[in-house]
């Protein structure tokens, strides 16, 4: 089973202090990285668990998008 991870590029900080969340995996020996379209503050992103922390409806929707990207 391939490992799917979230990452951010710390050099791409936006003016509103948010970062774009990317998904990374390996397919047929080649690394594949793509943009999820999700932006969040660095403090709210849990890269180890692969989620955005919080309980609001907006954050739950973002986590659903991330889970769909992973699948």
PDB file of N, CA and C in Angstrom:
ATOM      1  N   UNK A   1       0.841  -1.186   0.000  1.00  0.00           N
ATOM      2  CA  UNK A   1       0.000   0.000   0.000  1.00  0.00           C
ATOM      3  C   UNK A   1       0.880   1.240   0.000  1.00  0.00           C
ATOM      4  N   UNK A   2       0.561   2.180  -0.868  1.00  0.00           N
ATOM      5  CA  UNK A   2       1.333   3.413  -0.961  1.00  0.00           C
ATOM      6  C   UNK A   2       1.050   4.322   0.212  1.00  0.00           C
ATOM      7  N   UNK A   3       2.075   5.040   0.598  1.00  0.00           N
ATOM      8  CA  UNK A   3       1.923   6.018   1.669  1.00  0.00           C
ATOM      9  C   UNK A   3       1.523   7.345   1.046  1.00  0.00           C
ATOM     10  N   UNK A   4       0.484   7.947   1.568  1.00  0.00           N
ATOM     11  CA  UNK A   4      -0.010   9.228   1.083  1.00  0.00           C
ATOM     12  C   UNK A   4       0.188  10.246   2.201  1.00  0.00           C
ATOM     13  N   UNK A   5       0.890  11.325   1.899  1.00  0.00           N
ATOM     14  CA  UNK A   5       1.183  12.323   2.920  1.00  0.00           C
ATOM     15  C   UNK A   5       0.746  13.708   2.477  1.00  0.00           C
ATOM     16  N   UNK A   6       0.482  14.545   3.454  1.00  0.00           N
ATOM     17  CA  UNK A   6       0.201  15.962   3.205  1.00  0.00           C
ATOM     18  C   UNK A   6       1.481  16.747   3.432  1.00  0.00           C
ATOM     19  N   UNK A   7       1.645  17.811   2.694  1.00  0.00           N
ATOM     20  CA  UNK A   7       2.760  18.699   2.944  1.00  0.00           C
ATOM     21  C   UNK A   7       2.402  20.106   2.491  1.00  0.00           C
ATOM     22  N   UNK A   8       3.174  21.055   2.980  1.00  0.00           N
ATOM     23  CA  UNK A   8       3.037  22.444   2.560  1.00  0.00           C
ATOM     24  C   UNK A   8       4.407  22.937   2.135  1.00  0.00           C
ATOM     25  N   UNK A   9       4.438  23.955   1.314  1.00  0.00           N
ATOM     26  CA  UNK A   9       5.690  24.584   0.927  1.00  0.00           C
ATOM     27  C   UNK A   9       5.828  25.846   1.777  1.00  0.00           C
ATOM     28  N   UNK A  10       6.738  25.843   2.748  1.00  0.00           N
ATOM     29  CA  UNK A  10       6.851  27.005   3.635  1.00  0.00           C
ATOM     30  C   UNK A  10       7.271  28.281   2.929  1.00  0.00           C
ATOM     31  N   UNK A  11       7.809  28.178   1.722  1.00  0.00           N
ATOM     32  CA  UNK A  11       8.216  29.363   0.979  1.00  0.00           C
ATOM     33  C   UNK A  11       7.036  30.041   0.290  1.00  0.00           C
ATOM     34  N   UNK A  12       5.886  29.375   0.247  1.00  0.00           N
ATOM     35  CA  UNK A  12       4.721  29.918  -0.448  1.00  0.00           C
ATOM     36  C   UNK A  12       3.662  30.434   0.523  1.00  0.00           C
ATOM     37  N   UNK A  13       4.089  31.190   1.503  1.00  0.00           N
ATOM     38  CA  UNK A  13       3.164  31.790   2.458  1.00  0.00           C
ATOM     39  C   UNK A  13       2.426  32.939   1.783  1.00  0.00           C
ATOM     40  N   UNK A  14       1.114  32.944   1.901  1.00  0.00           N
ATOM     41  CA  UNK A  14       0.305  33.986   1.282  1.00  0.00           C
ATOM     42  C   UNK A  14       0.196  35.193   2.210  1.00  0.00           C
ATOM     43  N   UNK A  15      -0.320  36.274   1.692  1.00  0.00           N
ATOM     44  CA  UNK A  15      -0.428  37.519   2.456  1.00  0.00           C
ATOM     45  C   UNK A  15      -1.340  37.373   3.671  1.00  0.00           C
ATOM     46  N   UNK A  16      -2.321  36.443   3.606  1.00  0.00           N
ATOM     47  CA  UNK A  16      -3.234  36.247   4.736  1.00  0.00           C
ATOM     48  C   UNK A  16      -2.745  35.166   5.702  1.00  0.00           C
ATOM     49  N   UNK A  17      -1.433  34.873   5.678  1.00  0.00           N
ATOM     50  CA  UNK A  17      -0.773  33.894   6.560  1.00  0.00           C
ATOM     51  C   UNK A  17      -1.305  32.472   6.395  1.00  0.00           C
ATOM     52  N   UNK A  18      -1.706  32.100   5.191  1.00  0.00           N
ATOM     53  CA  UNK A  18      -2.146  30.738   4.934  1.00  0.00           C
ATOM     54  C   UNK A  18      -1.181  30.065   3.960  1.00  0.00           C
ATOM     55  N   UNK A  19      -1.225  28.744   3.980  1.00  0.00           N
ATOM     56  CA  UNK A  19      -0.405  27.923   3.102  1.00  0.00           C
ATOM     57  C   UNK A  19      -1.320  26.992   2.322  1.00  0.00           C
ATOM     58  N   UNK A  20      -0.898  26.627   1.109  1.00  0.00           N
ATOM     59  CA  UNK A  20      -1.639  25.677   0.303  1.00  0.00           C
ATOM     60  C   UNK A  20      -1.230  24.270   0.724  1.00  0.00           C
ATOM     61  N   UNK A  21      -2.221  23.377   0.860  1.00  0.00           N
ATOM     62  CA  UNK A  21      -1.979  21.996   1.260  1.00  0.00           C
ATOM     63  C   UNK A  21      -1.847  21.131   0.011  1.00  0.00           C
ATOM     64  N   UNK A  22      -0.784  20.333  -0.045  1.00  0.00           N
ATOM     65  CA  UNK A  22      -0.515  19.434  -1.157  1.00  0.00           C
ATOM     66  C   UNK A  22      -0.571  17.988  -0.684  1.00  0.00           C
ATOM     67  N   UNK A  23      -0.832  17.063  -1.611  1.00  0.00           N
ATOM     68  CA  UNK A  23      -0.808  15.629  -1.335  1.00  0.00           C
ATOM     69  C   UNK A  23       0.346  15.034  -2.123  1.00  0.00           C
ATOM     70  N   UNK A  24       1.082  14.116  -1.494  1.00  0.00           N
ATOM     71  CA  UNK A  24       2.214  13.477  -2.141  1.00  0.00           C
ATOM     72  C   UNK A  24       2.114  11.968  -1.974  1.00  0.00           C
ATOM     73  N   UNK A  25       2.443  11.226  -3.050  1.00  0.00           N
ATOM     74  CA  UNK A  25       2.479   9.771  -3.009  1.00  0.00           C
ATOM     75  C   UNK A  25       3.406   9.278  -4.109  1.00  0.00           C
ATOM     76  N   UNK A  26       3.570   7.968  -4.206  1.00  0.00           N
ATOM     77  CA  UNK A  26       4.393   7.364  -5.248  1.00  0.00           C
ATOM     78  C   UNK A  26       3.515   6.408  -6.045  1.00  0.00           C
ATOM     79  N   UNK A  27       3.508   6.562  -7.369  1.00  0.00           N
ATOM     80  CA  UNK A  27       2.738   5.705  -8.261  1.00  0.00           C
ATOM     81  C   UNK A  27       3.703   5.114  -9.286  1.00  0.00           C
ATOM     82  N   UNK A  28       3.773   3.796  -9.337  1.00  0.00           N
ATOM     83  CA  UNK A  28       4.661   3.088 -10.283  1.00  0.00           C
ATOM     84  C   UNK A  28       6.099   3.583 -10.177  1.00  0.00           C
ATOM     85  N   UNK A  29       6.546   3.848  -8.966  1.00  0.00           N
ATOM     86  CA  UNK A  29       7.914   4.277  -8.740  1.00  0.00           C
ATOM     87  C   UNK A  29       8.185   5.749  -8.991  1.00  0.00           C
ATOM     88  N   UNK A  30       7.189   6.498  -9.423  1.00  0.00           N
ATOM     89  CA  UNK A  30       7.355   7.920  -9.701  1.00  0.00           C
ATOM     90  C   UNK A  30       6.614   8.753  -8.644  1.00  0.00           C
ATOM     91  N   UNK A  31       7.265   9.775  -8.092  1.00  0.00           N
ATOM     92  CA  UNK A  31       6.561  10.622  -7.121  1.00  0.00           C
ATOM     93  C   UNK A  31       5.475  11.449  -7.803  1.00  0.00           C
ATOM     94  N   UNK A  32       4.327  11.518  -7.144  1.00  0.00           N
ATOM     95  CA  UNK A  32       3.194  12.297  -7.645  1.00  0.00           C
ATOM     96  C   UNK A  32       2.803  13.283  -6.559  1.00  0.00           C
ATOM     97  N   UNK A  33       2.764  14.560  -6.929  1.00  0.00           N
ATOM     98  CA  UNK A  33       2.377  15.610  -5.978  1.00  0.00           C
ATOM     99  C   UNK A  33       1.347  16.494  -6.650  1.00  0.00           C
ATOM    100  N   UNK A  34       0.288  16.820  -5.907  1.00  0.00           N
ATOM    101  CA  UNK A  34      -0.707  17.710  -6.484  1.00  0.00           C
ATOM    102  C   UNK A  34      -1.349  18.583  -5.425  1.00  0.00           C
ATOM    103  N   UNK A  35      -1.899  19.679  -5.885  1.00  0.00           N
ATOM    104  CA  UNK A  35      -2.535  20.690  -5.056  1.00  0.00           C
ATOM    105  C   UNK A  35      -3.948  20.233  -4.706  1.00  0.00           C
ATOM    106  N   UNK A  36      -4.330  20.336  -3.427  1.00  0.00           N
ATOM    107  CA  UNK A  36      -5.679  19.975  -3.014  1.00  0.00           C
ATOM    108  C   UNK A  36      -6.661  21.129  -3.188  1.00  0.00           C
ATOM    109  N   UNK A  37      -6.154  22.336  -3.348  1.00  0.00           N
ATOM    110  CA  UNK A  37      -7.027  23.498  -3.433  1.00  0.00           C
ATOM    111  C   UNK A  37      -7.429  24.030  -2.065  1.00  0.00           C
ATOM    112  N   UNK A  38      -6.850  23.479  -1.022  1.00  0.00           N
ATOM    113  CA  UNK A  38      -7.169  23.878   0.354  1.00  0.00           C
ATOM    114  C   UNK A  38      -6.061  24.784   0.871  1.00  0.00           C
ATOM    115  N   UNK A  39      -6.454  25.846   1.553  1.00  0.00           N
ATOM    116  CA  UNK A  39      -5.502  26.732   2.215  1.00  0.00           C
ATOM    117  C   UNK A  39      -5.867  26.817   3.686  1.00  0.00           C
ATOM    118  N   UNK A  40      -4.845  26.854   4.537  1.00  0.00           N
ATOM    119  CA  UNK A  40      -5.098  26.943   5.963  1.00  0.00           C
ATOM    120  C   UNK A  40      -3.883  27.557   6.654  1.00  0.00           C
ATOM    121  N   UNK A  41      -4.091  28.044   7.880  1.00  0.00           N
ATOM    122  CA  UNK A  41      -2.988  28.550   8.684  1.00  0.00           C
ATOM    123  C   UNK A  41      -2.113  27.381   9.111  1.00  0.00           C
ATOM    124  N   UNK A  42      -0.822  27.635   9.247  1.00  0.00           N
ATOM    125  CA  UNK A  42       0.113  26.576   9.605  1.00  0.00           C
ATOM    126  C   UNK A  42      -0.233  25.949  10.950  1.00  0.00           C
ATOM    127  N   UNK A  43      -0.723  26.733  11.892  1.00  0.00           N
ATOM    128  CA  UNK A  43      -1.042  26.234  13.227  1.00  0.00           C
ATOM    129  C   UNK A  43      -2.186  25.216  13.198  1.00  0.00           C
ATOM    130  N   UNK A  44      -3.055  25.295  12.204  1.00  0.00           N
ATOM    131  CA  UNK A  44      -4.217  24.403  12.131  1.00  0.00           C
ATOM    132  C   UNK A  44      -3.951  23.126  11.358  1.00  0.00           C
ATOM    133  N   UNK A  45      -2.815  23.022  10.671  1.00  0.00           N
ATOM    134  CA  UNK A  45      -2.530  21.861   9.845  1.00  0.00           C
ATOM    135  C   UNK A  45      -1.766  20.827  10.661  1.00  0.00           C
ATOM    136  N   UNK A  46      -2.303  19.601  10.718  1.00  0.00           N
ATOM    137  CA  UNK A  46      -1.634  18.490  11.380  1.00  0.00           C
ATOM    138  C   UNK A  46      -1.094  17.571  10.290  1.00  0.00           C
ATOM    139  N   UNK A  47       0.179  17.745   9.932  1.00  0.00           N
ATOM    140  CA  UNK A  47       0.776  17.002   8.829  1.00  0.00           C
ATOM    141  C   UNK A  47       0.944  15.526   9.161  1.00  0.00           C
ATOM    142  N   UNK A  48       1.164  15.184  10.422  1.00  0.00           N
ATOM    143  CA  UNK A  48       1.341  13.778  10.798  1.00  0.00           C
ATOM    144  C   UNK A  48       0.046  12.977  10.634  1.00  0.00           C
ATOM    145  N   UNK A  49      -1.054  13.546  11.053  1.00  0.00           N
ATOM    146  CA  UNK A  49      -2.348  12.853  10.936  1.00  0.00           C
ATOM    147  C   UNK A  49      -3.019  13.107   9.596  1.00  0.00           C
ATOM    148  N   UNK A  50      -2.579  14.112   8.868  1.00  0.00           N
ATOM    149  CA  UNK A  50      -3.120  14.406   7.548  1.00  0.00           C
ATOM    150  C   UNK A  50      -4.470  15.082   7.581  1.00  0.00           C
ATOM    151  N   UNK A  51      -4.679  15.964   8.567  1.00  0.00           N
ATOM    152  CA  UNK A  51      -5.952  16.668   8.683  1.00  0.00           C
ATOM    153  C   UNK A  51      -5.698  18.131   9.023  1.00  0.00           C
ATOM    154  N   UNK A  52      -6.774  18.895   8.972  1.00  0.00           N
ATOM    155  CA  UNK A  52      -6.764  20.261   9.477  1.00  0.00           C
ATOM    156  C   UNK A  52      -7.524  20.234  10.790  1.00  0.00           C
ATOM    157  N   UNK A  53      -6.924  20.766  11.836  1.00  0.00           N
ATOM    158  CA  UNK A  53      -7.543  20.730  13.158  1.00  0.00           C
ATOM    159  C   UNK A  53      -8.651  21.760  13.267  1.00  0.00           C
ATOM    160  N   UNK A  54      -9.735  21.356  13.912  1.00  0.00           N
ATOM    161  CA  UNK A  54     -10.852  22.248  14.156  1.00  0.00           C
ATOM    162  C   UNK A  54     -12.165  21.490  14.092  1.00  0.00           C
ATOM    163  N   UNK A  55     -13.244  22.158  14.481  1.00  0.00           N
ATOM    164  CA  UNK A  55     -14.543  21.492  14.525  1.00  0.00           C
ATOM    165  C   UNK A  55     -15.625  22.229  13.748  1.00  0.00           C
ATOM    166  N   UNK A  56     -15.289  23.311  13.074  1.00  0.00           N
ATOM    167  CA  UNK A  56     -16.317  24.048  12.344  1.00  0.00           C
ATOM    168  C   UNK A  56     -16.713  23.290  11.077  1.00  0.00           C
ATOM    169  N   UNK A  57     -17.842  23.648  10.520  1.00  0.00           N
ATOM    170  CA  UNK A  57     -18.326  22.992   9.312  1.00  0.00           C
ATOM    171  C   UNK A  57     -17.353  23.203   8.147  1.00  0.00           C
ATOM    172  N   UNK A  58     -16.782  24.386   8.058  1.00  0.00           N
ATOM    173  CA  UNK A  58     -15.830  24.688   6.989  1.00  0.00           C
ATOM    174  C   UNK A  58     -14.604  23.773   7.076  1.00  0.00           C
ATOM    175  N   UNK A  59     -14.091  23.560   8.262  1.00  0.00           N
ATOM    176  CA  UNK A  59     -12.917  22.694   8.432  1.00  0.00           C
ATOM    177  C   UNK A  59     -13.278  21.245   8.163  1.00  0.00           C
ATOM    178  N   UNK A  60     -14.465  20.818   8.579  1.00  0.00           N
ATOM    179  CA  UNK A  60     -14.898  19.454   8.281  1.00  0.00           C
ATOM    180  C   UNK A  60     -15.024  19.245   6.775  1.00  0.00           C
ATOM    181  N   UNK A  61     -15.500  20.257   6.064  1.00  0.00           N
ATOM    182  CA  UNK A  61     -15.580  20.168   4.599  1.00  0.00           C
ATOM    183  C   UNK A  61     -14.179  20.090   3.981  1.00  0.00           C
ATOM    184  N   UNK A  62     -13.244  20.853   4.502  1.00  0.00           N
ATOM    185  CA  UNK A  62     -11.866  20.812   4.000  1.00  0.00           C
ATOM    186  C   UNK A  62     -11.246  19.436   4.225  1.00  0.00           C
ATOM    187  N   UNK A  63     -11.479  18.859   5.406  1.00  0.00           N
ATOM    188  CA  UNK A  63     -10.952  17.524   5.685  1.00  0.00           C
ATOM    189  C   UNK A  63     -11.579  16.475   4.772  1.00  0.00           C
ATOM    190  N   UNK A  64     -12.838  16.645   4.425  1.00  0.00           N
ATOM    191  CA  UNK A  64     -13.490  15.735   3.490  1.00  0.00           C
ATOM    192  C   UNK A  64     -12.840  15.825   2.107  1.00  0.00           C
ATOM    193  N   UNK A  65     -12.519  17.027   1.675  1.00  0.00           N
ATOM    194  CA  UNK A  65     -11.833  17.220   0.397  1.00  0.00           C
ATOM    195  C   UNK A  65     -10.469  16.553   0.425  1.00  0.00           C
ATOM    196  N   UNK A  66      -9.744  16.717   1.520  1.00  0.00           N
ATOM    197  CA  UNK A  66      -8.422  16.096   1.659  1.00  0.00           C
ATOM    198  C   UNK A  66      -8.554  14.575   1.620  1.00  0.00           C
ATOM    199  N   UNK A  67      -9.532  14.022   2.314  1.00  0.00           N
ATOM    200  CA  UNK A  67      -9.742  12.568   2.301  1.00  0.00           C
ATOM    201  C   UNK A  67     -10.077  12.075   0.905  1.00  0.00           C
ATOM    202  N   UNK A  68     -10.864  12.848   0.148  1.00  0.00           N
ATOM    203  CA  UNK A  68     -11.174  12.456  -1.229  1.00  0.00           C
ATOM    204  C   UNK A  68      -9.922  12.487  -2.097  1.00  0.00           C
ATOM    205  N   UNK A  69      -9.054  13.456  -1.879  1.00  0.00           N
ATOM    206  CA  UNK A  69      -7.792  13.508  -2.627  1.00  0.00           C
ATOM    207  C   UNK A  69      -6.912  12.311  -2.294  1.00  0.00           C
ATOM    208  N   UNK A  70      -6.923  11.894  -1.050  1.00  0.00           N
ATOM    209  CA  UNK A  70      -6.119  10.738  -0.643  1.00  0.00           C
ATOM    210  C   UNK A  70      -6.630   9.453  -1.274  1.00  0.00           C
ATOM    211  N   UNK A  71      -7.940   9.350  -1.424  1.00  0.00           N
ATOM    212  CA  UNK A  71      -8.483   8.108  -1.978  1.00  0.00           C
ATOM    213  C   UNK A  71      -8.374   8.102  -3.477  1.00  0.00           C
TER     214      UNK A  71
END
